[in-house]
Amino acid sequence: MAALERGDIETANELEMAQRARRSDWQGRRKEFRTRLPEELAERVLDLAGATGQSYSEVLALIVHDFFSRKGR
């Protein structure tokens, strides 16, 4: 309430969002990236996303995670 009284709308919104219950599928904070994949690779990622019922971003995140999880990386 004090943030609103000061006119700090952004902080008030952040505080309100922090108090809301999280969705059951919430996976934490994300950093937005724009990627450009060769068309063939992008199609493969989209196909995998469709086959698994996941989003393009979720599949790409799993691929990147797998790459960095391999021994020696």
Protein backbone atom coordinates (compact mmCIF):
# COMPACT_ATOMS: atom_id res chain seq x y z
CA MET A 1 0.00 0.00 0.00
CA ALA A 2 2.86 2.37 0.79
CA ALA A 3 4.26 1.92 -2.73
CA LEU A 4 0.92 2.97 -4.20
CA GLU A 5 0.75 5.98 -1.91
CA ARG A 6 4.20 7.02 -3.15
CA GLY A 7 3.02 6.59 -6.72
CA ASP A 8 5.41 3.69 -7.35
CA ILE A 9 3.06 1.62 -9.49
CA GLU A 10 5.74 -0.78 -10.74
CA THR A 11 6.83 -1.77 -7.22
CA ALA A 12 3.20 -2.11 -6.12
CA ASN A 13 2.51 -4.45 -9.04
CA GLU A 14 5.60 -6.54 -8.25
CA LEU A 15 4.55 -6.86 -4.60
CA GLU A 16 1.03 -7.88 -5.58
CA MET A 17 2.33 -10.53 -8.00
CA ALA A 18 4.72 -11.89 -5.34
CA GLN A 19 1.79 -12.48 -2.99
CA ARG A 20 -0.29 -14.43 -5.53
CA ALA A 21 -0.28 -18.20 -5.47
CA ARG A 22 1.96 -19.74 -8.13
CA ARG A 23 0.50 -21.83 -10.91
CA SER A 24 1.16 -25.53 -10.49
CA ASP A 25 3.18 -25.57 -13.75
CA TRP A 26 5.34 -22.54 -12.84
CA GLN A 27 8.98 -23.29 -13.66
CA GLY A 28 10.74 -20.26 -12.26
CA ARG A 29 11.98 -17.03 -13.75
CA ARG A 30 12.91 -16.97 -17.41
CA LYS A 31 15.19 -14.87 -19.55
CA GLU A 32 13.85 -14.10 -22.99
CA PHE A 33 16.06 -15.01 -25.93
CA ARG A 34 15.51 -14.78 -29.63
CA THR A 35 17.07 -17.64 -31.52
CA ARG A 36 17.61 -18.21 -35.20
CA LEU A 37 18.05 -21.83 -36.08
CA PRO A 38 18.69 -23.23 -39.52
CA GLU A 39 15.28 -24.04 -41.00
CA GLU A 40 15.83 -27.82 -40.82
CA LEU A 41 16.70 -27.71 -37.11
CA ALA A 42 13.81 -25.36 -36.33
CA GLU A 43 11.40 -27.75 -38.04
CA ARG A 44 12.77 -30.67 -36.03
CA VAL A 45 12.29 -28.75 -32.78
CA LEU A 46 8.74 -27.80 -33.79
CA ASP A 47 7.97 -31.41 -34.74
CA LEU A 48 9.27 -32.64 -31.39
CA ALA A 49 7.25 -29.98 -29.57
CA GLY A 50 4.10 -31.06 -31.36
CA ALA A 51 4.75 -34.74 -30.72
CA THR A 52 5.32 -34.21 -26.99
CA GLY A 53 2.68 -31.54 -26.37
CA GLN A 54 5.30 -29.06 -25.21
CA SER A 55 6.06 -25.57 -26.43
CA TYR A 56 8.94 -24.74 -28.76
CA SER A 57 10.65 -22.97 -25.85
CA GLU A 58 10.27 -25.95 -23.50
CA VAL A 59 11.78 -28.35 -26.04
CA LEU A 60 14.63 -25.98 -26.85
CA ALA A 61 15.33 -25.54 -23.11
CA LEU A 62 15.49 -29.33 -22.68
CA ILE A 63 17.90 -29.64 -25.60
CA VAL A 64 20.18 -26.94 -24.15
CA HIS A 65 19.95 -28.50 -20.67
CA ASP A 66 20.90 -31.90 -22.09
CA PHE A 67 23.90 -30.39 -23.87
CA PHE A 68 25.24 -28.74 -20.73
CA SER A 69 24.46 -31.77 -18.54
CA ARG A 70 26.70 -34.10 -20.51
CA LYS A 71 29.82 -35.19 -18.71
CA GLY A 72 32.74 -32.84 -19.16
CA ARG A 73 30.80 -29.68 -19.99
